[in-house]
Amino acid sequence: MPPAIWIILGPVLLLGTLALLPLIFQIGRRPPDEEYRGFLYSNPDNPALFVPKRSGIGYTLNFGNPWSWAVLTLIIAMVVLPFVLTVINVRQLPK
């Protein structure tokens, strides 16, 4: 893949990340245990994107917030995109 694609893709990913930063830093308080569905937390009435985990240290996504799906998609894209681009580049190499 030519480096020119990163001239377009880089700023788009950066702007997307910057747009999500205010939502990411809006952290709620630890919710009651009955609001968890298995190991996932989903409460559409809670505006926080991240909430403290039920057990252990750290935070979990509030899957009731629609922006959590955007964050999850972005994380998956950041993991998968380098592999896809590598496969495309390897297939385009002269034999």
PDB file of N, CA and C in Angstrom:
ATOM      1  N   MET A   1       0.852  -1.168   0.000  1.00  0.00           N
ATOM      2  CA  MET A   1       0.000   0.000   0.000  1.00  0.00           C
ATOM      3  C   MET A   1       0.897   1.229   0.000  1.00  0.00           C
ATOM      4  N   PRO A   2       0.621   2.157  -0.878  1.00  0.00           N
ATOM      5  CA  PRO A   2       1.485   3.342  -0.947  1.00  0.00           C
ATOM      6  C   PRO A   2       1.341   4.205   0.307  1.00  0.00           C
ATOM      7  N   PRO A   3       2.421   4.906   0.649  1.00  0.00           N
ATOM      8  CA  PRO A   3       2.359   5.758   1.835  1.00  0.00           C
ATOM      9  C   PRO A   3       1.319   6.865   1.726  1.00  0.00           C
ATOM     10  N   ALA A   4       0.883   7.189   0.519  1.00  0.00           N
ATOM     11  CA  ALA A   4      -0.098   8.264   0.336  1.00  0.00           C
ATOM     12  C   ALA A   4      -1.420   7.956   1.037  1.00  0.00           C
ATOM     13  N   ILE A   5      -1.764   6.679   1.166  1.00  0.00           N
ATOM     14  CA  ILE A   5      -3.027   6.332   1.831  1.00  0.00           C
ATOM     15  C   ILE A   5      -2.995   6.758   3.297  1.00  0.00           C
ATOM     16  N   TRP A   6      -1.810   6.728   3.911  1.00  0.00           N
ATOM     17  CA  TRP A   6      -1.707   7.127   5.315  1.00  0.00           C
ATOM     18  C   TRP A   6      -1.848   8.634   5.489  1.00  0.00           C
ATOM     19  N   ILE A   7      -1.610   9.392   4.415  1.00  0.00           N
ATOM     20  CA  ILE A   7      -1.825  10.836   4.477  1.00  0.00           C
ATOM     21  C   ILE A   7      -3.314  11.121   4.674  1.00  0.00           C
ATOM     22  N   ILE A   8      -4.156  10.266   4.132  1.00  0.00           N
ATOM     23  CA  ILE A   8      -5.609  10.423   4.295  1.00  0.00           C
ATOM     24  C   ILE A   8      -6.084   9.682   5.540  1.00  0.00           C
ATOM     25  N   LEU A   9      -5.660   8.441   5.706  1.00  0.00           N
ATOM     26  CA  LEU A   9      -6.154   7.596   6.787  1.00  0.00           C
ATOM     27  C   LEU A   9      -5.690   8.069   8.165  1.00  0.00           C
ATOM     28  N   GLY A  10      -4.477   8.557   8.269  1.00  0.00           N
ATOM     29  CA  GLY A  10      -3.932   9.009   9.553  1.00  0.00           C
ATOM     30  C   GLY A  10      -4.752  10.122  10.195  1.00  0.00           C
ATOM     31  N   PRO A  11      -4.977  11.238   9.484  1.00  0.00           N
ATOM     32  CA  PRO A  11      -5.788  12.306  10.085  1.00  0.00           C
ATOM     33  C   PRO A  11      -7.227  11.897  10.384  1.00  0.00           C
ATOM     34  N   VAL A  12      -7.800  11.034   9.566  1.00  0.00           N
ATOM     35  CA  VAL A  12      -9.173  10.580   9.827  1.00  0.00           C
ATOM     36  C   VAL A  12      -9.228   9.794  11.134  1.00  0.00           C
ATOM     37  N   LEU A  13      -8.283   8.874  11.330  1.00  0.00           N
ATOM     38  CA  LEU A  13      -8.235   8.118  12.586  1.00  0.00           C
ATOM     39  C   LEU A  13      -7.938   9.030  13.777  1.00  0.00           C
ATOM     40  N   LEU A  14      -7.066  10.010  13.584  1.00  0.00           N
ATOM     41  CA  LEU A  14      -6.752  10.944  14.662  1.00  0.00           C
ATOM     42  C   LEU A  14      -7.977  11.769  15.048  1.00  0.00           C
ATOM     43  N   LEU A  15      -8.705  12.289  14.066  1.00  0.00           N
ATOM     44  CA  LEU A  15      -9.908  13.074  14.359  1.00  0.00           C
ATOM     45  C   LEU A  15     -10.983  12.221  15.032  1.00  0.00           C
ATOM     46  N   GLY A  16     -11.116  10.978  14.593  1.00  0.00           N
ATOM     47  CA  GLY A  16     -12.074  10.077  15.231  1.00  0.00           C
ATOM     48  C   GLY A  16     -11.724   9.824  16.678  1.00  0.00           C
ATOM     49  N   THR A  17     -10.441   9.636  16.955  1.00  0.00           N
ATOM     50  CA  THR A  17      -9.997   9.412  18.328  1.00  0.00           C
ATOM     51  C   THR A  17     -10.207  10.659  19.180  1.00  0.00           C
ATOM     52  N   LEU A  18      -9.878  11.820  18.645  1.00  0.00           N
ATOM     53  CA  LEU A  18     -10.053  13.062  19.390  1.00  0.00           C
ATOM     54  C   LEU A  18     -11.527  13.356  19.663  1.00  0.00           C
ATOM     55  N   ALA A  19     -12.404  12.958  18.755  1.00  0.00           N
ATOM     56  CA  ALA A  19     -13.834  13.180  18.967  1.00  0.00           C
ATOM     57  C   ALA A  19     -14.367  12.306  20.098  1.00  0.00           C
ATOM     58  N   LEU A  20     -13.745  11.163  20.313  1.00  0.00           N
ATOM     59  CA  LEU A  20     -14.205  10.256  21.368  1.00  0.00           C
ATOM     60  C   LEU A  20     -13.596  10.552  22.735  1.00  0.00           C
ATOM     61  N   LEU A  21     -12.544  11.358  22.794  1.00  0.00           N
ATOM     62  CA  LEU A  21     -11.877  11.614  24.079  1.00  0.00           C
ATOM     63  C   LEU A  21     -12.795  12.176  25.160  1.00  0.00           C
ATOM     64  N   PRO A  22     -13.658  13.152  24.872  1.00  0.00           N
ATOM     65  CA  PRO A  22     -14.540  13.635  25.954  1.00  0.00           C
ATOM     66  C   PRO A  22     -15.445  12.537  26.498  1.00  0.00           C
ATOM     67  N   LEU A  23     -15.893  11.657  25.635  1.00  0.00           N
ATOM     68  CA  LEU A  23     -16.750  10.564  26.086  1.00  0.00           C
ATOM     69  C   LEU A  23     -15.965   9.538  26.885  1.00  0.00           C
ATOM     70  N   ILE A  24     -14.728   9.315  26.496  1.00  0.00           N
ATOM     71  CA  ILE A  24     -13.912   8.313  27.160  1.00  0.00           C
ATOM     72  C   ILE A  24     -13.602   8.729  28.599  1.00  0.00           C
ATOM     73  N   PHE A  25     -13.363  10.025  28.808  1.00  0.00           N
ATOM     74  CA  PHE A  25     -12.987  10.481  30.141  1.00  0.00           C
ATOM     75  C   PHE A  25     -14.175  10.770  31.048  1.00  0.00           C
ATOM     76  N   GLN A  26     -15.386  10.519  30.573  1.00  0.00           N
ATOM     77  CA  GLN A  26     -16.559  10.643  31.424  1.00  0.00           C
ATOM     78  C   GLN A  26     -16.761   9.292  32.107  1.00  0.00           C
ATOM     79  N   ILE A  27     -16.205   9.165  33.298  1.00  0.00           N
ATOM     80  CA  ILE A  27     -16.213   7.895  34.013  1.00  0.00           C
ATOM     81  C   ILE A  27     -17.248   7.955  35.128  1.00  0.00           C
ATOM     82  N   GLY A  28     -18.060   6.942  35.208  1.00  0.00           N
ATOM     83  CA  GLY A  28     -19.109   6.900  36.224  1.00  0.00           C
ATOM     84  C   GLY A  28     -18.650   6.226  37.503  1.00  0.00           C
ATOM     85  N   ARG A  29     -19.551   6.150  38.453  1.00  0.00           N
ATOM     86  CA  ARG A  29     -19.264   5.471  39.711  1.00  0.00           C
ATOM     87  C   ARG A  29     -19.525   3.976  39.544  1.00  0.00           C
ATOM     88  N   ARG A  30     -19.060   3.177  40.491  1.00  0.00           N
ATOM     89  CA  ARG A  30     -19.239   1.725  40.414  1.00  0.00           C
ATOM     90  C   ARG A  30     -20.724   1.400  40.520  1.00  0.00           C
ATOM     91  N   PRO A  31     -21.266   0.747  39.487  1.00  0.00           N
ATOM     92  CA  PRO A  31     -22.688   0.419  39.497  1.00  0.00           C
ATOM     93  C   PRO A  31     -22.993  -0.774  40.397  1.00  0.00           C
ATOM     94  N   PRO A  32     -24.249  -0.911  40.809  1.00  0.00           N
ATOM     95  CA  PRO A  32     -24.627  -2.089  41.601  1.00  0.00           C
ATOM     96  C   PRO A  32     -24.488  -3.370  40.777  1.00  0.00           C
ATOM     97  N   ASP A  33     -24.273  -4.484  41.477  1.00  0.00           N
ATOM     98  CA  ASP A  33     -24.048  -5.762  40.804  1.00  0.00           C
ATOM     99  C   ASP A  33     -25.225  -6.200  39.947  1.00  0.00           C
ATOM    100  N   GLU A  34     -26.447  -5.834  40.294  1.00  0.00           N
ATOM    101  CA  GLU A  34     -27.599  -6.305  39.526  1.00  0.00           C
ATOM    102  C   GLU A  34     -27.704  -5.651  38.144  1.00  0.00           C
ATOM    103  N   GLU A  35     -26.917  -4.604  37.882  1.00  0.00           N
ATOM    104  CA  GLU A  35     -26.946  -3.969  36.563  1.00  0.00           C
ATOM    105  C   GLU A  35     -26.025  -4.668  35.567  1.00  0.00           C
ATOM    106  N   TYR A  36     -25.256  -5.628  36.021  1.00  0.00           N
ATOM    107  CA  TYR A  36     -24.375  -6.370  35.116  1.00  0.00           C
ATOM    108  C   TYR A  36     -25.134  -7.537  34.505  1.00  0.00           C
ATOM    109  N   ARG A  37     -24.867  -7.784  33.230  1.00  0.00           N
ATOM    110  CA  ARG A  37     -25.415  -8.956  32.540  1.00  0.00           C
ATOM    111  C   ARG A  37     -24.240  -9.886  32.266  1.00  0.00           C
ATOM    112  N   GLY A  38     -24.060 -10.847  33.147  1.00  0.00           N
ATOM    113  CA  GLY A  38     -22.875 -11.698  33.054  1.00  0.00           C
ATOM    114  C   GLY A  38     -21.664 -10.868  33.431  1.00  0.00           C
ATOM    115  N   PHE A  39     -20.694 -10.760  32.524  1.00  0.00           N
ATOM    116  CA  PHE A  39     -19.522  -9.947  32.799  1.00  0.00           C
ATOM    117  C   PHE A  39     -19.594  -8.603  32.070  1.00  0.00           C
ATOM    118  N   LEU A  40     -20.685  -8.341  31.348  1.00  0.00           N
ATOM    119  CA  LEU A  40     -20.867  -7.078  30.638  1.00  0.00           C
ATOM    120  C   LEU A  40     -21.774  -6.144  31.423  1.00  0.00           C
ATOM    121  N   TYR A  41     -21.492  -4.852  31.342  1.00  0.00           N
ATOM    122  CA  TYR A  41     -22.338  -3.850  31.975  1.00  0.00           C
ATOM    123  C   TYR A  41     -23.113  -3.129  30.881  1.00  0.00           C
ATOM    124  N   SER A  42     -24.415  -3.049  31.029  1.00  0.00           N
ATOM    125  CA  SER A  42     -25.255  -2.374  30.051  1.00  0.00           C
ATOM    126  C   SER A  42     -26.368  -1.632  30.784  1.00  0.00           C
ATOM    127  N   ASN A  43     -26.280  -0.311  30.747  1.00  0.00           N
ATOM    128  CA  ASN A  43     -27.309   0.523  31.357  1.00  0.00           C
ATOM    129  C   ASN A  43     -27.474   1.765  30.489  1.00  0.00           C
ATOM    130  N   PRO A  44     -28.502   1.830  29.647  1.00  0.00           N
ATOM    131  CA  PRO A  44     -28.687   2.993  28.773  1.00  0.00           C
ATOM    132  C   PRO A  44     -28.977   4.280  29.544  1.00  0.00           C
ATOM    133  N   ASP A  45     -29.418   4.181  30.793  1.00  0.00           N
ATOM    134  CA  ASP A  45     -29.705   5.376  31.583  1.00  0.00           C
ATOM    135  C   ASP A  45     -28.446   6.001  32.176  1.00  0.00           C
ATOM    136  N   ASN A  46     -27.339   5.260  32.192  1.00  0.00           N
ATOM    137  CA  ASN A  46     -26.070   5.754  32.707  1.00  0.00           C
ATOM    138  C   ASN A  46     -25.303   6.379  31.542  1.00  0.00           C
ATOM    139  N   PRO A  47     -25.017   7.704  31.592  1.00  0.00           N
ATOM    140  CA  PRO A  47     -24.341   8.346  30.453  1.00  0.00           C
ATOM    141  C   PRO A  47     -22.849   8.041  30.366  1.00  0.00           C
ATOM    142  N   ALA A  48     -22.259   7.454  31.399  1.00  0.00           N
ATOM    143  CA  ALA A  48     -20.813   7.193  31.407  1.00  0.00           C
ATOM    144  C   ALA A  48     -20.458   6.121  30.383  1.00  0.00           C
ATOM    145  N   LEU A  49     -19.356   6.345  29.679  1.00  0.00           N
ATOM    146  CA  LEU A  49     -18.877   5.358  28.717  1.00  0.00           C
ATOM    147  C   LEU A  49     -18.104   4.253  29.427  1.00  0.00           C
ATOM    148  N   PHE A  50     -17.303   4.626  30.417  1.00  0.00           N
ATOM    149  CA  PHE A  50     -16.554   3.657  31.213  1.00  0.00           C
ATOM    150  C   PHE A  50     -17.059   3.680  32.643  1.00  0.00           C
ATOM    151  N   VAL A  51     -17.180   2.515  33.235  1.00  0.00           N
ATOM    152  CA  VAL A  51     -17.566   2.389  34.641  1.00  0.00           C
ATOM    153  C   VAL A  51     -16.568   1.446  35.313  1.00  0.00           C
ATOM    154  N   PRO A  52     -16.348   1.616  36.612  1.00  0.00           N
ATOM    155  CA  PRO A  52     -15.425   0.704  37.303  1.00  0.00           C
ATOM    156  C   PRO A  52     -15.909  -0.742  37.218  1.00  0.00           C
ATOM    157  N   LYS A  53     -14.959  -1.659  37.121  1.00  0.00           N
ATOM    158  CA  LYS A  53     -15.297  -3.079  37.048  1.00  0.00           C
ATOM    159  C   LYS A  53     -15.977  -3.537  38.325  1.00  0.00           C
ATOM    160  N   ARG A  54     -16.744  -4.599  38.194  1.00  0.00           N
ATOM    161  CA  ARG A  54     -17.423  -5.170  39.360  1.00  0.00           C
ATOM    162  C   ARG A  54     -16.413  -5.756  40.332  1.00  0.00           C
ATOM    163  N   SER A  55     -15.382  -6.381  39.789  1.00  0.00           N
ATOM    164  CA  SER A  55     -14.326  -6.936  40.646  1.00  0.00           C
ATOM    165  C   SER A  55     -12.980  -6.648  39.993  1.00  0.00           C
ATOM    166  N   GLY A  56     -11.992  -6.481  40.790  1.00  0.00           N
ATOM    167  CA  GLY A  56     -10.661  -6.214  40.265  1.00  0.00           C
ATOM    168  C   GLY A  56     -10.420  -4.737  40.041  1.00  0.00           C
ATOM    169  N   ILE A  57      -9.343  -4.464  39.343  1.00  0.00           N
ATOM    170  CA  ILE A  57      -8.925  -3.092  39.094  1.00  0.00           C
ATOM    171  C   ILE A  57      -9.195  -2.764  37.632  1.00  0.00           C
ATOM    172  N   GLY A  58      -9.657  -1.566  37.358  1.00  0.00           N
ATOM    173  CA  GLY A  58      -9.843  -1.129  35.995  1.00  0.00           C
ATOM    174  C   GLY A  58     -11.272  -0.729  35.698  1.00  0.00           C
ATOM    175  N   TYR A  59     -11.519  -0.544  34.432  1.00  0.00           N
ATOM    176  CA  TYR A  59     -12.819  -0.076  33.975  1.00  0.00           C
ATOM    177  C   TYR A  59     -13.349  -0.985  32.882  1.00  0.00           C
ATOM    178  N   THR A  60     -14.654  -0.940  32.677  1.00  0.00           N
ATOM    179  CA  THR A  60     -15.302  -1.695  31.616  1.00  0.00           C
ATOM    180  C   THR A  60     -16.212  -0.751  30.849  1.00  0.00           C
ATOM    181  N   LEU A  61     -16.527  -1.115  29.632  1.00  0.00           N
ATOM    182  CA  LEU A  61     -17.425  -0.306  28.808  1.00  0.00           C
ATOM    183  C   LEU A  61     -18.867  -0.470  29.259  1.00  0.00           C
ATOM    184  N   ASN A  62     -19.632   0.607  29.164  1.00  0.00           N
ATOM    185  CA  ASN A  62     -21.071   0.562  29.385  1.00  0.00           C
ATOM    186  C   ASN A  62     -21.705   0.290  28.023  1.00  0.00           C
ATOM    187  N   PHE A  63     -22.086  -0.952  27.758  1.00  0.00           N
ATOM    188  CA  PHE A  63     -22.623  -1.313  26.449  1.00  0.00           C
ATOM    189  C   PHE A  63     -24.024  -0.777  26.216  1.00  0.00           C
ATOM    190  N   GLY A  64     -24.604  -0.106  27.195  1.00  0.00           N
ATOM    191  CA  GLY A  64     -25.868   0.589  27.004  1.00  0.00           C
ATOM    192  C   GLY A  64     -25.660   1.943  26.345  1.00  0.00           C
ATOM    193  N   ASN A  65     -24.433   2.451  26.365  1.00  0.00           N
ATOM    194  CA  ASN A  65     -24.081   3.701  25.720  1.00  0.00           C
ATOM    195  C   ASN A  65     -23.705   3.402  24.275  1.00  0.00           C
ATOM    196  N   PRO A  66     -24.363   4.035  23.285  1.00  0.00           N
ATOM    197  CA  PRO A  66     -24.066   3.721  21.879  1.00  0.00           C
ATOM    198  C   PRO A  66     -22.616   3.995  21.489  1.00  0.00           C
ATOM    199  N   TRP A  67     -21.935   4.916  22.172  1.00  0.00           N
ATOM    200  CA  TRP A  67     -20.545   5.205  21.838  1.00  0.00           C
ATOM    201  C   TRP A  67     -19.610   4.069  22.210  1.00  0.00           C
ATOM    202  N   SER A  68     -20.037   3.178  23.100  1.00  0.00           N
ATOM    203  CA  SER A  68     -19.170   2.048  23.461  1.00  0.00           C
ATOM    204  C   SER A  68     -18.947   1.143  22.261  1.00  0.00           C
ATOM    205  N   TRP A  69     -19.941   1.035  21.401  1.00  0.00           N
ATOM    206  CA  TRP A  69     -19.792   0.212  20.198  1.00  0.00           C
ATOM    207  C   TRP A  69     -18.808   0.871  19.227  1.00  0.00           C
ATOM    208  N   ALA A  70     -18.794   2.194  19.177  1.00  0.00           N
ATOM    209  CA  ALA A  70     -17.821   2.893  18.335  1.00  0.00           C
ATOM    210  C   ALA A  70     -16.405   2.669  18.859  1.00  0.00           C
ATOM    211  N   VAL A  71     -16.230   2.729  20.178  1.00  0.00           N
ATOM    212  CA  VAL A  71     -14.917   2.487  20.781  1.00  0.00           C
ATOM    213  C   VAL A  71     -14.476   1.054  20.524  1.00  0.00           C
ATOM    214  N   LEU A  72     -15.387   0.108  20.689  1.00  0.00           N
ATOM    215  CA  LEU A  72     -15.058  -1.302  20.456  1.00  0.00           C
ATOM    216  C   LEU A  72     -14.690  -1.538  18.988  1.00  0.00           C
ATOM    217  N   THR A  73     -15.431  -0.921  18.075  1.00  0.00           N
ATOM    218  CA  THR A  73     -15.126  -1.045  16.641  1.00  0.00           C
ATOM    219  C   THR A  73     -13.769  -0.443  16.326  1.00  0.00           C
ATOM    220  N   LEU A  74     -13.461   0.705  16.925  1.00  0.00           N
ATOM    221  CA  LEU A  74     -12.168   1.341  16.704  1.00  0.00           C
ATOM    222  C   LEU A  74     -11.023   0.470  17.212  1.00  0.00           C
ATOM    223  N   ILE A  75     -11.200  -0.132  18.368  1.00  0.00           N
ATOM    224  CA  ILE A  75     -10.161  -1.015  18.918  1.00  0.00           C
ATOM    225  C   ILE A  75      -9.955  -2.229  18.012  1.00  0.00           C
ATOM    226  N   ILE A  76     -11.042  -2.830  17.561  1.00  0.00           N
ATOM    227  CA  ILE A  76     -10.935  -3.989  16.665  1.00  0.00           C
ATOM    228  C   ILE A  76     -10.280  -3.590  15.353  1.00  0.00           C
ATOM    229  N   ALA A  77     -10.643  -2.420  14.820  1.00  0.00           N
ATOM    230  CA  ALA A  77     -10.048  -1.950  13.563  1.00  0.00           C
ATOM    231  C   ALA A  77      -8.549  -1.713  13.721  1.00  0.00           C
ATOM    232  N   MET A  78      -8.127  -1.183  14.869  1.00  0.00           N
ATOM    233  CA  MET A  78      -6.702  -0.935  15.082  1.00  0.00           C
ATOM    234  C   MET A  78      -5.918  -2.244  15.187  1.00  0.00           C
ATOM    235  N   VAL A  79      -6.565  -3.314  15.592  1.00  0.00           N
ATOM    236  CA  VAL A  79      -5.888  -4.608  15.679  1.00  0.00           C
ATOM    237  C   VAL A  79      -5.892  -5.305  14.322  1.00  0.00           C
ATOM    238  N   VAL A  80      -7.004  -5.259  13.605  1.00  0.00           N
ATOM    239  CA  VAL A  80      -7.161  -6.012  12.364  1.00  0.00           C
ATOM    240  C   VAL A  80      -6.531  -5.298  11.167  1.00  0.00           C
ATOM    241  N   LEU A  81      -6.611  -3.964  11.123  1.00  0.00           N
ATOM    242  CA  LEU A  81      -6.149  -3.213   9.956  1.00  0.00           C
ATOM    243  C   LEU A  81      -4.688  -3.484   9.580  1.00  0.00           C
ATOM    244  N   PRO A  82      -3.737  -3.528  10.504  1.00  0.00           N
ATOM    245  CA  PRO A  82      -2.355  -3.830  10.096  1.00  0.00           C
ATOM    246  C   PRO A  82      -2.208  -5.206   9.435  1.00  0.00           C
ATOM    247  N   PHE A  83      -2.959  -6.196   9.903  1.00  0.00           N
ATOM    248  CA  PHE A  83      -2.887  -7.522   9.280  1.00  0.00           C
ATOM    249  C   PHE A  83      -3.469  -7.507   7.871  1.00  0.00           C
ATOM    250  N   VAL A  84      -4.579  -6.826   7.694  1.00  0.00           N
ATOM    251  CA  VAL A  84      -5.204  -6.743   6.369  1.00  0.00           C
ATOM    252  C   VAL A  84      -4.285  -6.012   5.401  1.00  0.00           C
ATOM    253  N   LEU A  85      -3.695  -4.905   5.833  1.00  0.00           N
ATOM    254  CA  LEU A  85      -2.785  -4.161   4.963  1.00  0.00           C
ATOM    255  C   LEU A  85      -1.535  -4.970   4.629  1.00  0.00           C
ATOM    256  N   THR A  86      -1.050  -5.754   5.565  1.00  0.00           N
ATOM    257  CA  THR A  86       0.106  -6.610   5.299  1.00  0.00           C
ATOM    258  C   THR A  86      -0.225  -7.667   4.253  1.00  0.00           C
ATOM    259  N   VAL A  87      -1.377  -8.295   4.374  1.00  0.00           N
ATOM    260  CA  VAL A  87      -1.785  -9.307   3.392  1.00  0.00           C
ATOM    261  C   VAL A  87      -1.929  -8.678   2.011  1.00  0.00           C
ATOM    262  N   ILE A  88      -2.506  -7.507   1.939  1.00  0.00           N
ATOM    263  CA  ILE A  88      -2.665  -6.832   0.646  1.00  0.00           C
ATOM    264  C   ILE A  88      -1.303  -6.517   0.046  1.00  0.00           C
ATOM    265  N   ASN A  89      -0.379  -6.020   0.859  1.00  0.00           N
ATOM    266  CA  ASN A  89       0.964  -5.694   0.353  1.00  0.00           C
ATOM    267  C   ASN A  89       1.714  -6.937  -0.095  1.00  0.00           C
ATOM    268  N   VAL A  90       1.598  -8.031   0.639  1.00  0.00           N
ATOM    269  CA  VAL A  90       2.299  -9.264   0.272  1.00  0.00           C
ATOM    270  C   VAL A  90       1.758  -9.799  -1.054  1.00  0.00           C
ATOM    271  N   ARG A  91       0.478  -9.709  -1.267  1.00  0.00           N
ATOM    272  CA  ARG A  91      -0.107 -10.207  -2.527  1.00  0.00           C
ATOM    273  C   ARG A  91       0.303  -9.341  -3.713  1.00  0.00           C
ATOM    274  N   GLN A  92       0.630  -8.080  -3.492  1.00  0.00           N
ATOM    275  CA  GLN A  92       0.982  -7.189  -4.583  1.00  0.00           C
ATOM    276  C   GLN A  92       2.481  -7.201  -4.908  1.00  0.00           C
ATOM    277  N   LEU A  93       3.289  -7.911  -4.127  1.00  0.00           N
ATOM    278  CA  LEU A  93       4.710  -7.985  -4.394  1.00  0.00           C
ATOM    279  C   LEU A  93       4.958  -8.728  -5.692  1.00  0.00           C
ATOM    280  N   PRO A  94       5.915  -8.254  -6.483  1.00  0.00           N
ATOM    281  CA  PRO A  94       6.239  -8.975  -7.729  1.00  0.00           C
ATOM    282  C   PRO A  94       6.847 -10.345  -7.412  1.00  0.00           C
ATOM    283  N   LYS A  95       6.499 -11.306  -8.231  1.00  0.00           N
ATOM    284  CA  LYS A  95       6.991 -12.667  -8.005  1.00  0.00           C
ATOM    285  C   LYS A  95       8.224 -12.949  -8.800  1.00  0.00           C
TER     286      LYS A  95
END
